[in-house]
PDB file of N, CA and C in Angstrom:
ATOM      1  N   MET A   1       0.855  -1.177   0.000  1.00  0.00           N
ATOM      2  CA  MET A   1       0.000   0.000   0.000  1.00  0.00           C
ATOM      3  C   MET A   1       0.901   1.240   0.000  1.00  0.00           C
ATOM      4  N   ARG A   2       0.641   2.149  -0.927  1.00  0.00           N
ATOM      5  CA  ARG A   2       1.501   3.331  -1.091  1.00  0.00           C
ATOM      6  C   ARG A   2       1.542   4.189   0.171  1.00  0.00           C
ATOM      7  N   PHE A   3       0.396   4.338   0.850  1.00  0.00           N
ATOM      8  CA  PHE A   3       0.307   5.141   2.069  1.00  0.00           C
ATOM      9  C   PHE A   3      -0.101   4.211   3.219  1.00  0.00           C
ATOM     10  N   PRO A   4       0.845   3.633   3.914  1.00  0.00           N
ATOM     11  CA  PRO A   4       0.527   2.605   4.911  1.00  0.00           C
ATOM     12  C   PRO A   4      -0.193   3.115   6.159  1.00  0.00           C
ATOM     13  N   TYR A   5      -0.236   4.413   6.374  1.00  0.00           N
ATOM     14  CA  TYR A   5      -0.850   4.938   7.582  1.00  0.00           C
ATOM     15  C   TYR A   5      -2.212   5.581   7.335  1.00  0.00           C
ATOM     16  N   VAL A   6      -2.855   5.210   6.256  1.00  0.00           N
ATOM     17  CA  VAL A   6      -4.183   5.728   5.944  1.00  0.00           C
ATOM     18  C   VAL A   6      -5.197   5.106   6.905  1.00  0.00           C
ATOM     19  N   ASP A   7      -6.070   5.941   7.473  1.00  0.00           N
ATOM     20  CA  ASP A   7      -7.104   5.385   8.342  1.00  0.00           C
ATOM     21  C   ASP A   7      -8.512   5.599   7.786  1.00  0.00           C
ATOM     22  N   ALA A   8      -8.639   6.367   6.699  1.00  0.00           N
ATOM     23  CA  ALA A   8      -9.939   6.574   6.070  1.00  0.00           C
ATOM     24  C   ALA A   8      -9.742   6.987   4.616  1.00  0.00           C
ATOM     25  N   ILE A   9     -10.688   6.552   3.776  1.00  0.00           N
ATOM     26  CA  ILE A   9     -10.697   6.938   2.368  1.00  0.00           C
ATOM     27  C   ILE A   9     -12.113   7.387   2.027  1.00  0.00           C
ATOM     28  N   VAL A  10     -12.248   8.642   1.609  1.00  0.00           N
ATOM     29  CA  VAL A  10     -13.533   9.174   1.169  1.00  0.00           C
ATOM     30  C   VAL A  10     -13.484   9.247  -0.349  1.00  0.00           C
ATOM     31  N   ASN A  11     -14.452   8.632  -0.996  1.00  0.00           N
ATOM     32  CA  ASN A  11     -14.424   8.438  -2.438  1.00  0.00           C
ATOM     33  C   ASN A  11     -15.413   9.315  -3.180  1.00  0.00           C
ATOM     34  N   TYR A  12     -15.120   9.513  -4.458  1.00  0.00           N
ATOM     35  CA  TYR A  12     -15.975  10.302  -5.341  1.00  0.00           C
ATOM     36  C   TYR A  12     -17.372   9.689  -5.478  1.00  0.00           C
ATOM     37  N   ASN A  13     -17.426   8.368  -5.592  1.00  0.00           N
ATOM     38  CA  ASN A  13     -18.716   7.683  -5.718  1.00  0.00           C
ATOM     39  C   ASN A  13     -18.580   6.274  -5.143  1.00  0.00           C
ATOM     40  N   ASP A  14     -19.641   5.510  -5.229  1.00  0.00           N
ATOM     41  CA  ASP A  14     -19.613   4.168  -4.645  1.00  0.00           C
ATOM     42  C   ASP A  14     -18.745   3.178  -5.416  1.00  0.00           C
ATOM     43  N   PRO A  15     -18.717   3.200  -6.757  1.00  0.00           N
ATOM     44  CA  PRO A  15     -17.798   2.282  -7.430  1.00  0.00           C
ATOM     45  C   PRO A  15     -16.332   2.503  -7.023  1.00  0.00           C
ATOM     46  N   THR A  16     -15.929   3.768  -6.808  1.00  0.00           N
ATOM     47  CA  THR A  16     -14.553   3.992  -6.372  1.00  0.00           C
ATOM     48  C   THR A  16     -14.369   3.544  -4.921  1.00  0.00           C
ATOM     49  N   ALA A  17     -15.427   3.637  -4.112  1.00  0.00           N
ATOM     50  CA  ALA A  17     -15.351   3.117  -2.745  1.00  0.00           C
ATOM     51  C   ALA A  17     -15.153   1.601  -2.766  1.00  0.00           C
ATOM     52  N   LEU A  18     -15.840   0.926  -3.682  1.00  0.00           N
ATOM     53  CA  LEU A  18     -15.675  -0.522  -3.785  1.00  0.00           C
ATOM     54  C   LEU A  18     -14.260  -0.865  -4.251  1.00  0.00           C
ATOM     55  N   GLY A  19     -13.714  -0.060  -5.144  1.00  0.00           N
ATOM     56  CA  GLY A  19     -12.327  -0.252  -5.560  1.00  0.00           C
ATOM     57  C   GLY A  19     -11.364  -0.014  -4.411  1.00  0.00           C
ATOM     58  N   ALA A  20     -11.638   1.012  -3.609  1.00  0.00           N
ATOM     59  CA  ALA A  20     -10.802   1.283  -2.440  1.00  0.00           C
ATOM     60  C   ALA A  20     -10.866   0.115  -1.459  1.00  0.00           C
ATOM     61  N   TYR A  21     -12.062  -0.429  -1.290  1.00  0.00           N
ATOM     62  CA  TYR A  21     -12.208  -1.591  -0.408  1.00  0.00           C
ATOM     63  C   TYR A  21     -11.347  -2.760  -0.909  1.00  0.00           C
ATOM     64  N   GLN A  22     -11.386  -3.026  -2.207  1.00  0.00           N
ATOM     65  CA  GLN A  22     -10.590  -4.128  -2.760  1.00  0.00           C
ATOM     66  C   GLN A  22      -9.090  -3.879  -2.549  1.00  0.00           C
ATOM     67  N   ALA A  23      -8.651  -2.636  -2.716  1.00  0.00           N
ATOM     68  CA  ALA A  23      -7.243  -2.304  -2.508  1.00  0.00           C
ATOM     69  C   ALA A  23      -6.850  -2.476  -1.037  1.00  0.00           C
ATOM     70  N   VAL A  24      -7.708  -2.016  -0.149  1.00  0.00           N
ATOM     71  CA  VAL A  24      -7.440  -2.142   1.291  1.00  0.00           C
ATOM     72  C   VAL A  24      -7.400  -3.617   1.687  1.00  0.00           C
ATOM     73  N   LYS A  25      -8.341  -4.375   1.165  1.00  0.00           N
ATOM     74  CA  LYS A  25      -8.398  -5.817   1.459  1.00  0.00           C
ATOM     75  C   LYS A  25      -7.137  -6.513   0.934  1.00  0.00           C
ATOM     76  N   ALA A  26      -6.739  -6.180  -0.283  1.00  0.00           N
ATOM     77  CA  ALA A  26      -5.542  -6.787  -0.880  1.00  0.00           C
ATOM     78  C   ALA A  26      -4.284  -6.435  -0.088  1.00  0.00           C
ATOM     79  N   ALA A  27      -4.284  -5.274   0.555  1.00  0.00           N
ATOM     80  CA  ALA A  27      -3.137  -4.846   1.357  1.00  0.00           C
ATOM     81  C   ALA A  27      -3.163  -5.444   2.760  1.00  0.00           C
ATOM     82  N   GLY A  28      -4.187  -6.255   3.041  1.00  0.00           N
ATOM     83  CA  GLY A  28      -4.291  -6.871   4.365  1.00  0.00           C
ATOM     84  C   GLY A  28      -4.740  -5.914   5.447  1.00  0.00           C
ATOM     85  N   LYS A  29      -5.413  -4.820   5.053  1.00  0.00           N
ATOM     86  CA  LYS A  29      -5.853  -3.795   6.002  1.00  0.00           C
ATOM     87  C   LYS A  29      -7.378  -3.781   6.181  1.00  0.00           C
ATOM     88  N   ASP A  30      -8.043  -4.847   5.759  1.00  0.00           N
ATOM     89  CA  ASP A  30      -9.503  -4.930   5.873  1.00  0.00           C
ATOM     90  C   ASP A  30      -9.914  -4.712   7.329  1.00  0.00           C
ATOM     91  N   GLY A  31     -10.854  -3.795   7.538  1.00  0.00           N
ATOM     92  CA  GLY A  31     -11.321  -3.479   8.882  1.00  0.00           C
ATOM     93  C   GLY A  31     -10.484  -2.428   9.595  1.00  0.00           C
ATOM     94  N   GLU A  32      -9.364  -2.037   9.015  1.00  0.00           N
ATOM     95  CA  GLU A  32      -8.496  -1.036   9.636  1.00  0.00           C
ATOM     96  C   GLU A  32      -8.664   0.352   9.029  1.00  0.00           C
ATOM     97  N   VAL A  33      -9.263   0.421   7.842  1.00  0.00           N
ATOM     98  CA  VAL A  33      -9.420   1.683   7.116  1.00  0.00           C
ATOM     99  C   VAL A  33     -10.900   1.917   6.863  1.00  0.00           C
ATOM    100  N   LEU A  34     -11.423   3.059   7.307  1.00  0.00           N
ATOM    101  CA  LEU A  34     -12.816   3.413   7.023  1.00  0.00           C
ATOM    102  C   LEU A  34     -12.931   3.812   5.564  1.00  0.00           C
ATOM    103  N   ILE A  35     -13.981   3.320   4.906  1.00  0.00           N
ATOM    104  CA  ILE A  35     -14.187   3.621   3.490  1.00  0.00           C
ATOM    105  C   ILE A  35     -15.580   4.194   3.323  1.00  0.00           C
ATOM    106  N   ILE A  36     -15.647   5.412   2.790  1.00  0.00           N
ATOM    107  CA  ILE A  36     -16.909   6.119   2.604  1.00  0.00           C
ATOM    108  C   ILE A  36     -17.128   6.376   1.119  1.00  0.00           C
ATOM    109  N   GLY A  37     -18.323   6.066   0.650  1.00  0.00           N
ATOM    110  CA  GLY A  37     -18.702   6.337  -0.729  1.00  0.00           C
ATOM    111  C   GLY A  37     -19.621   7.545  -0.812  1.00  0.00           C
ATOM    112  N   ASN A  38     -20.011   7.858  -2.005  1.00  0.00           N
ATOM    113  CA  ASN A  38     -20.955   8.947  -2.257  1.00  0.00           C
ATOM    114  C   ASN A  38     -21.919   8.524  -3.351  1.00  0.00           C
ATOM    115  N   GLN A  39     -23.134   8.980  -3.242  1.00  0.00           N
ATOM    116  CA  GLN A  39     -24.212   8.807  -4.214  1.00  0.00           C
ATOM    117  C   GLN A  39     -25.149   7.657  -3.875  1.00  0.00           C
ATOM    118  N   MET A  40     -24.811   6.806  -2.929  1.00  0.00           N
ATOM    119  CA  MET A  40     -25.648   5.680  -2.490  1.00  0.00           C
ATOM    120  C   MET A  40     -26.211   4.917  -3.681  1.00  0.00           C
ATOM    121  N   GLN A  41     -25.297   4.540  -4.562  1.00  0.00           N
ATOM    122  CA  GLN A  41     -25.672   3.748  -5.728  1.00  0.00           C
ATOM    123  C   GLN A  41     -26.034   2.330  -5.290  1.00  0.00           C
ATOM    124  N   PRO A  42     -26.786   1.602  -6.093  1.00  0.00           N
ATOM    125  CA  PRO A  42     -27.272   0.278  -5.667  1.00  0.00           C
ATOM    126  C   PRO A  42     -26.184  -0.661  -5.150  1.00  0.00           C
ATOM    127  N   GLU A  43     -24.999  -0.621  -5.744  1.00  0.00           N
ATOM    128  CA  GLU A  43     -23.949  -1.516  -5.282  1.00  0.00           C
ATOM    129  C   GLU A  43     -23.462  -1.178  -3.873  1.00  0.00           C
ATOM    130  N   ALA A  44     -23.693   0.050  -3.429  1.00  0.00           N
ATOM    131  CA  ALA A  44     -23.298   0.434  -2.072  1.00  0.00           C
ATOM    132  C   ALA A  44     -24.158  -0.276  -1.034  1.00  0.00           C
ATOM    133  N   VAL A  45     -25.430  -0.472  -1.345  1.00  0.00           N
ATOM    134  CA  VAL A  45     -26.328  -1.145  -0.398  1.00  0.00           C
ATOM    135  C   VAL A  45     -25.768  -2.523  -0.048  1.00  0.00           C
ATOM    136  N   GLN A  46     -25.439  -3.294  -1.060  1.00  0.00           N
ATOM    137  CA  GLN A  46     -24.896  -4.641  -0.837  1.00  0.00           C
ATOM    138  C   GLN A  46     -23.572  -4.589  -0.086  1.00  0.00           C
ATOM    139  N   SER A  47     -22.709  -3.651  -0.459  1.00  0.00           N
ATOM    140  CA  SER A  47     -21.411  -3.539   0.184  1.00  0.00           C
ATOM    141  C   SER A  47     -21.554  -3.153   1.662  1.00  0.00           C
ATOM    142  N   LEU A  48     -22.488  -2.262   1.956  1.00  0.00           N
ATOM    143  CA  LEU A  48     -22.738  -1.903   3.358  1.00  0.00           C
ATOM    144  C   LEU A  48     -23.287  -3.097   4.129  1.00  0.00           C
ATOM    145  N   GLN A  49     -24.215  -3.825   3.519  1.00  0.00           N
ATOM    146  CA  GLN A  49     -24.775  -5.001   4.171  1.00  0.00           C
ATOM    147  C   GLN A  49     -23.712  -6.067   4.426  1.00  0.00           C
ATOM    148  N   ASN A  50     -22.704  -6.126   3.555  1.00  0.00           N
ATOM    149  CA  ASN A  50     -21.613  -7.092   3.707  1.00  0.00           C
ATOM    150  C   ASN A  50     -20.490  -6.583   4.610  1.00  0.00           C
ATOM    151  N   ASN A  51     -20.680  -5.374   5.188  1.00  0.00           N
ATOM    152  CA  ASN A  51     -19.666  -4.757   6.048  1.00  0.00           C
ATOM    153  C   ASN A  51     -18.329  -4.574   5.335  1.00  0.00           C
ATOM    154  N   GLU A  52     -18.401  -4.204   4.066  1.00  0.00           N
ATOM    155  CA  GLU A  52     -17.186  -3.920   3.299  1.00  0.00           C
ATOM    156  C   GLU A  52     -16.868  -2.433   3.393  1.00  0.00           C
ATOM    157  N   ILE A  53     -17.735  -1.572   2.850  1.00  0.00           N
ATOM    158  CA  ILE A  53     -17.538  -0.135   3.034  1.00  0.00           C
ATOM    159  C   ILE A  53     -18.267   0.262   4.317  1.00  0.00           C
ATOM    160  N   ASN A  54     -17.933   1.437   4.833  1.00  0.00           N
ATOM    161  CA  ASN A  54     -18.482   1.862   6.117  1.00  0.00           C
ATOM    162  C   ASN A  54     -19.622   2.861   6.012  1.00  0.00           C
ATOM    163  N   GLY A  55     -19.818   3.445   4.828  1.00  0.00           N
ATOM    164  CA  GLY A  55     -20.904   4.399   4.689  1.00  0.00           C
ATOM    165  C   GLY A  55     -20.953   4.972   3.291  1.00  0.00           C
ATOM    166  N   SER A  56     -22.074   5.630   2.997  1.00  0.00           N
ATOM    167  CA  SER A  56     -22.238   6.317   1.718  1.00  0.00           C
ATOM    168  C   SER A  56     -23.264   7.427   1.894  1.00  0.00           C
ATOM    169  N   TRP A  57     -23.029   8.506   1.210  1.00  0.00           N
ATOM    170  CA  TRP A  57     -23.964   9.632   1.207  1.00  0.00           C
ATOM    171  C   TRP A  57     -24.946   9.474   0.057  1.00  0.00           C
ATOM    172  N   ASP A  58     -26.227   9.588   0.356  1.00  0.00           N
ATOM    173  CA  ASP A  58     -27.285   9.595  -0.663  1.00  0.00           C
ATOM    174  C   ASP A  58     -27.595  11.054  -0.955  1.00  0.00           C
ATOM    175  N   PHE A  59     -27.223  11.514  -2.142  1.00  0.00           N
ATOM    176  CA  PHE A  59     -27.458  12.899  -2.530  1.00  0.00           C
ATOM    177  C   PHE A  59     -28.884  13.129  -2.994  1.00  0.00           C
ATOM    178  N   ASN A  60     -29.721  12.124  -2.908  1.00  0.00           N
ATOM    179  CA  ASN A  60     -31.134  12.215  -3.225  1.00  0.00           C
ATOM    180  C   ASN A  60     -31.375  12.691  -4.662  1.00  0.00           C
ATOM    181  N   PRO A  61     -30.957  11.891  -5.638  1.00  0.00           N
ATOM    182  CA  PRO A  61     -31.080  12.307  -7.033  1.00  0.00           C
ATOM    183  C   PRO A  61     -32.519  12.459  -7.505  1.00  0.00           C
ATOM    184  N   VAL A  62     -33.433  11.725  -6.917  1.00  0.00           N
ATOM    185  CA  VAL A  62     -34.834  11.836  -7.344  1.00  0.00           C
ATOM    186  C   VAL A  62     -35.391  13.198  -6.945  1.00  0.00           C
ATOM    187  N   GLU A  63     -35.198  13.590  -5.681  1.00  0.00           N
ATOM    188  CA  GLU A  63     -35.687  14.904  -5.245  1.00  0.00           C
ATOM    189  C   GLU A  63     -34.953  16.028  -5.972  1.00  0.00           C
ATOM    190  N   SER A  64     -33.670  15.851  -6.224  1.00  0.00           N
ATOM    191  CA  SER A  64     -32.919  16.862  -6.974  1.00  0.00           C
ATOM    192  C   SER A  64     -33.469  17.011  -8.388  1.00  0.00           C
ATOM    193  N   GLY A  65     -33.799  15.882  -9.027  1.00  0.00           N
ATOM    194  CA  GLY A  65     -34.374  15.915 -10.375  1.00  0.00           C
ATOM    195  C   GLY A  65     -35.722  16.608 -10.408  1.00  0.00           C
ATOM    196  N   ILE A  66     -36.541  16.343  -9.400  1.00  0.00           N
ATOM    197  CA  ILE A  66     -37.852  16.995  -9.311  1.00  0.00           C
ATOM    198  C   ILE A  66     -37.668  18.504  -9.157  1.00  0.00           C
ATOM    199  N   ALA A  67     -36.753  18.913  -8.292  1.00  0.00           N
ATOM    200  CA  ALA A  67     -36.513  20.347  -8.075  1.00  0.00           C
ATOM    201  C   ALA A  67     -36.024  21.008  -9.362  1.00  0.00           C
ATOM    202  N   LEU A  68     -35.117  20.345 -10.087  1.00  0.00           N
ATOM    203  CA  LEU A  68     -34.617  20.894 -11.343  1.00  0.00           C
ATOM    204  C   LEU A  68     -35.732  20.979 -12.383  1.00  0.00           C
ATOM    205  N   ALA A  69     -36.584  19.972 -12.438  1.00  0.00           N
ATOM    206  CA  ALA A  69     -37.711  20.007 -13.380  1.00  0.00           C
ATOM    207  C   ALA A  69     -38.654  21.157 -13.052  1.00  0.00           C
ATOM    208  N   ASP A  70     -38.913  21.368 -11.761  1.00  0.00           N
ATOM    209  CA  ASP A  70     -39.784  22.478 -11.360  1.00  0.00           C
ATOM    210  C   ASP A  70     -39.192  23.827 -11.770  1.00  0.00           C
ATOM    211  N   LEU A  71     -37.892  23.994 -11.576  1.00  0.00           N
ATOM    212  CA  LEU A  71     -37.237  25.247 -11.973  1.00  0.00           C
ATOM    213  C   LEU A  71     -37.293  25.433 -13.489  1.00  0.00           C
ATOM    214  N   THR A  72     -37.063  24.355 -14.218  1.00  0.00           N
ATOM    215  CA  THR A  72     -37.090  24.416 -15.682  1.00  0.00           C
ATOM    216  C   THR A  72     -38.487  24.769 -16.182  1.00  0.00           C
ATOM    217  N   CYS A  73     -39.504  24.129 -15.616  1.00  0.00           N
ATOM    218  CA  CYS A  73     -40.885  24.431 -16.023  1.00  0.00           C
ATOM    219  C   CYS A  73     -41.226  25.885 -15.743  1.00  0.00           C
ATOM    220  N   ALA A  74     -40.781  26.394 -14.600  1.00  0.00           N
ATOM    221  CA  ALA A  74     -41.045  27.797 -14.275  1.00  0.00           C
ATOM    222  C   ALA A  74     -40.375  28.713 -15.301  1.00  0.00           C
ATOM    223  N   ALA A  75     -39.140  28.394 -15.655  1.00  0.00           N
ATOM    224  CA  ALA A  75     -38.416  29.230 -16.625  1.00  0.00           C
ATOM    225  C   ALA A  75     -39.073  29.196 -17.994  1.00  0.00           C
ATOM    226  N   LEU A  76     -39.565  28.021 -18.391  1.00  0.00           N
ATOM    227  CA  LEU A  76     -40.127  27.872 -19.735  1.00  0.00           C
ATOM    228  C   LEU A  76     -41.574  28.340 -19.863  1.00  0.00           C
ATOM    229  N   THR A  77     -42.237  28.549 -18.749  1.00  0.00           N
ATOM    230  CA  THR A  77     -43.651  28.953 -18.809  1.00  0.00           C
ATOM    231  C   THR A  77     -43.859  30.425 -18.484  1.00  0.00           C
ATOM    232  N   GLY A  78     -42.767  31.171 -18.428  1.00  0.00           N
ATOM    233  CA  GLY A  78     -42.900  32.606 -18.235  1.00  0.00           C
ATOM    234  C   GLY A  78     -43.094  33.050 -16.792  1.00  0.00           C
ATOM    235  N   ALA A  79     -42.790  32.195 -15.842  1.00  0.00           N
ATOM    236  CA  ALA A  79     -42.889  32.585 -14.435  1.00  0.00           C
ATOM    237  C   ALA A  79     -41.875  33.689 -14.141  1.00  0.00           C
ATOM    238  N   PRO A  80     -42.093  34.449 -13.099  1.00  0.00           N
ATOM    239  CA  PRO A  80     -41.111  35.475 -12.729  1.00  0.00           C
ATOM    240  C   PRO A  80     -39.732  34.841 -12.493  1.00  0.00           C
ATOM    241  N   GLU A  81     -38.699  35.561 -12.862  1.00  0.00           N
ATOM    242  CA  GLU A  81     -37.338  35.043 -12.746  1.00  0.00           C
ATOM    243  C   GLU A  81     -37.021  34.556 -11.332  1.00  0.00           C
ATOM    244  N   ALA A  82     -37.577  35.199 -10.338  1.00  0.00           N
ATOM    245  CA  ALA A  82     -37.319  34.799  -8.950  1.00  0.00           C
ATOM    246  C   ALA A  82     -37.803  33.376  -8.659  1.00  0.00           C
ATOM    247  N   ASP A  83     -38.733  32.868  -9.478  1.00  0.00           N
ATOM    248  CA  ASP A  83     -39.239  31.511  -9.280  1.00  0.00           C
ATOM    249  C   ASP A  83     -38.285  30.435  -9.787  1.00  0.00           C
ATOM    250  N   TYR A  84     -37.321  30.814 -10.632  1.00  0.00           N
ATOM    251  CA  TYR A  84     -36.413  29.794 -11.173  1.00  0.00           C
ATOM    252  C   TYR A  84     -34.933  30.166 -11.091  1.00  0.00           C
ATOM    253  N   ALA A  85     -34.614  31.412 -10.951  1.00  0.00           N
ATOM    254  CA  ALA A  85     -33.212  31.829 -10.866  1.00  0.00           C
ATOM    255  C   ALA A  85     -32.799  31.839  -9.399  1.00  0.00           C
ATOM    256  N   LYS A  86     -32.691  30.647  -8.833  1.00  0.00           N
ATOM    257  CA  LYS A  86     -32.377  30.542  -7.413  1.00  0.00           C
ATOM    258  C   LYS A  86     -31.674  29.212  -7.138  1.00  0.00           C
ATOM    259  N   THR A  87     -31.114  29.136  -5.988  1.00  0.00           N
ATOM    260  CA  THR A  87     -30.463  27.909  -5.543  1.00  0.00           C
ATOM    261  C   THR A  87     -31.467  27.090  -4.744  1.00  0.00           C
ATOM    262  N   VAL A  88     -31.524  25.813  -5.059  1.00  0.00           N
ATOM    263  CA  VAL A  88     -32.406  24.902  -4.336  1.00  0.00           C
ATOM    264  C   VAL A  88     -31.530  23.801  -3.745  1.00  0.00           C
ATOM    265  N   GLN A  89     -31.679  23.567  -2.467  1.00  0.00           N
ATOM    266  CA  GLN A  89     -30.922  22.506  -1.825  1.00  0.00           C
ATOM    267  C   GLN A  89     -31.840  21.323  -1.552  1.00  0.00           C
ATOM    268  N   THR A  90     -31.334  20.145  -1.808  1.00  0.00           N
ATOM    269  CA  THR A  90     -32.067  18.937  -1.457  1.00  0.00           C
ATOM    270  C   THR A  90     -31.268  18.224  -0.373  1.00  0.00           C
ATOM    271  N   PRO A  91     -31.946  17.566   0.540  1.00  0.00           N
ATOM    272  CA  PRO A  91     -31.230  16.957   1.668  1.00  0.00           C
ATOM    273  C   PRO A  91     -30.402  15.743   1.257  1.00  0.00           C
ATOM    274  N   ALA A  92     -29.261  15.595   1.873  1.00  0.00           N
ATOM    275  CA  ALA A  92     -28.432  14.405   1.707  1.00  0.00           C
ATOM    276  C   ALA A  92     -28.565  13.571   2.982  1.00  0.00           C
ATOM    277  N   GLN A  93     -28.532  12.273   2.828  1.00  0.00           N
ATOM    278  CA  GLN A  93     -28.668  11.358   3.963  1.00  0.00           C
ATOM    279  C   GLN A  93     -27.457  10.433   3.985  1.00  0.00           C
ATOM    280  N   PHE A  94     -26.871  10.265   5.145  1.00  0.00           N
ATOM    281  CA  PHE A  94     -25.743   9.345   5.293  1.00  0.00           C
ATOM    282  C   PHE A  94     -26.253   7.995   5.771  1.00  0.00           C
ATOM    283  N   TYR A  95     -25.796   6.951   5.103  1.00  0.00           N
ATOM    284  CA  TYR A  95     -26.134   5.585   5.500  1.00  0.00           C
ATOM    285  C   TYR A  95     -24.865   4.838   5.862  1.00  0.00           C
ATOM    286  N   ASP A  96     -24.969   4.038   6.913  1.00  0.00           N
ATOM    287  CA  ASP A  96     -23.860   3.183   7.304  1.00  0.00           C
ATOM    288  C   ASP A  96     -24.372   1.760   7.488  1.00  0.00           C
ATOM    289  N   ASN A  97     -23.557   0.923   8.070  1.00  0.00           N
ATOM    290  CA  ASN A  97     -23.913  -0.477   8.228  1.00  0.00           C
ATOM    291  C   ASN A  97     -25.155  -0.664   9.101  1.00  0.00           C
ATOM    292  N   GLN A  98     -25.408   0.265  10.004  1.00  0.00           N
ATOM    293  CA  GLN A  98     -26.556   0.167  10.897  1.00  0.00           C
ATOM    294  C   GLN A  98     -27.846   0.730  10.300  1.00  0.00           C
ATOM    295  N   THR A  99     -27.727   1.696   9.401  1.00  0.00           N
ATOM    296  CA  THR A  99     -28.923   2.370   8.876  1.00  0.00           C
ATOM    297  C   THR A  99     -29.267   2.003   7.440  1.00  0.00           C
ATOM    298  N   VAL A 100     -28.444   1.181   6.793  1.00  0.00           N
ATOM    299  CA  VAL A 100     -28.669   0.846   5.384  1.00  0.00           C
ATOM    300  C   VAL A 100     -30.031   0.187   5.167  1.00  0.00           C
ATOM    301  N   ALA A 101     -30.547  -0.484   6.165  1.00  0.00           N
ATOM    302  CA  ALA A 101     -31.863  -1.129   6.031  1.00  0.00           C
ATOM    303  C   ALA A 101     -32.972  -0.094   5.823  1.00  0.00           C
ATOM    304  N   ASN A 102     -32.721   1.157   6.190  1.00  0.00           N
ATOM    305  CA  ASN A 102     -33.712   2.222   6.021  1.00  0.00           C
ATOM    306  C   ASN A 102     -33.657   2.879   4.649  1.00  0.00           C
ATOM    307  N   PHE A 103     -32.668   2.522   3.851  1.00  0.00           N
ATOM    308  CA  PHE A 103     -32.502   3.143   2.544  1.00  0.00           C
ATOM    309  C   PHE A 103     -33.646   2.748   1.621  1.00  0.00           C
ATOM    310  N   GLN A 104     -34.245   3.731   0.991  1.00  0.00           N
ATOM    311  CA  GLN A 104     -35.297   3.487   0.008  1.00  0.00           C
ATOM    312  C   GLN A 104     -34.673   3.608  -1.387  1.00  0.00           C
ATOM    313  N   PRO A 105     -34.685   2.519  -2.164  1.00  0.00           N
ATOM    314  CA  PRO A 105     -34.059   2.554  -3.493  1.00  0.00           C
ATOM    315  C   PRO A 105     -34.649   3.644  -4.389  1.00  0.00           C
ATOM    316  N   TRP A 106     -33.820   4.092  -5.325  1.00  0.00           N
ATOM    317  CA  TRP A 106     -34.238   5.160  -6.237  1.00  0.00           C
ATOM    318  C   TRP A 106     -35.497   4.780  -7.005  1.00  0.00           C
ATOM    319  N   ASP A 107     -35.573   3.539  -7.491  1.00  0.00           N
ATOM    320  CA  ASP A 107     -36.748   3.176  -8.293  1.00  0.00           C
ATOM    321  C   ASP A 107     -38.021   3.219  -7.460  1.00  0.00           C
ATOM    322  N   ALA A 108     -37.956   2.912  -6.187  1.00  0.00           N
ATOM    323  CA  ALA A 108     -39.125   3.027  -5.316  1.00  0.00           C
ATOM    324  C   ALA A 108     -39.520   4.492  -5.123  1.00  0.00           C
ATOM    325  N   ARG A 109     -38.541   5.369  -5.022  1.00  0.00           N
ATOM    326  CA  ARG A 109     -38.838   6.798  -4.880  1.00  0.00           C
ATOM    327  C   ARG A 109     -39.453   7.353  -6.158  1.00  0.00           C
ATOM    328  N   ILE A 110     -38.942   6.883  -7.298  1.00  0.00           N
ATOM    329  CA  ILE A 110     -39.504   7.332  -8.578  1.00  0.00           C
ATOM    330  C   ILE A 110     -40.946   6.849  -8.714  1.00  0.00           C
ATOM    331  N   ALA A 111     -41.206   5.604  -8.316  1.00  0.00           N
ATOM    332  CA  ALA A 111     -42.562   5.053  -8.396  1.00  0.00           C
ATOM    333  C   ALA A 111     -43.545   5.807  -7.514  1.00  0.00           C
ATOM    334  N   ALA A 112     -43.042   6.412  -6.441  1.00  0.00           N
ATOM    335  CA  ALA A 112     -43.905   7.134  -5.506  1.00  0.00           C
ATOM    336  C   ALA A 112     -44.268   8.542  -5.978  1.00  0.00           C
ATOM    337  N   ILE A 113     -43.631   9.002  -7.060  1.00  0.00           N
ATOM    338  CA  ILE A 113     -43.943  10.341  -7.571  1.00  0.00           C
ATOM    339  C   ILE A 113     -45.361  10.321  -8.132  1.00  0.00           C
ATOM    340  N   GLY A 114     -46.123  11.269  -7.698  1.00  0.00           N
ATOM    341  CA  GLY A 114     -47.525  11.316  -8.082  1.00  0.00           C
ATOM    342  C   GLY A 114     -47.838  11.974  -9.352  1.00  0.00           C
TER     343      GLY A 114
END
């Protein structure tokens, strides 16, 4: 391992977190280095359940998409600029090995859109 004293790796997304896990495991450091992913992609759920990675941030892409669509519709339908020329924040949720069971998959969230 190039950096033998690493105690945590925060990754760009979940596939890179899974790659980091494989590298840590190959270096014989499994369980010694915390590995955090981002985006809570489907493969992260399985990895968290298997106690491979330690957590992942769900940036809530479904709610973000809805917010962007609402802003776009406002811009295209002649709404006042203040209705669409603004910053909208959507909540991010952190999941770990203990809370992954509470994660609602993206397709279930999409199906719930009315």
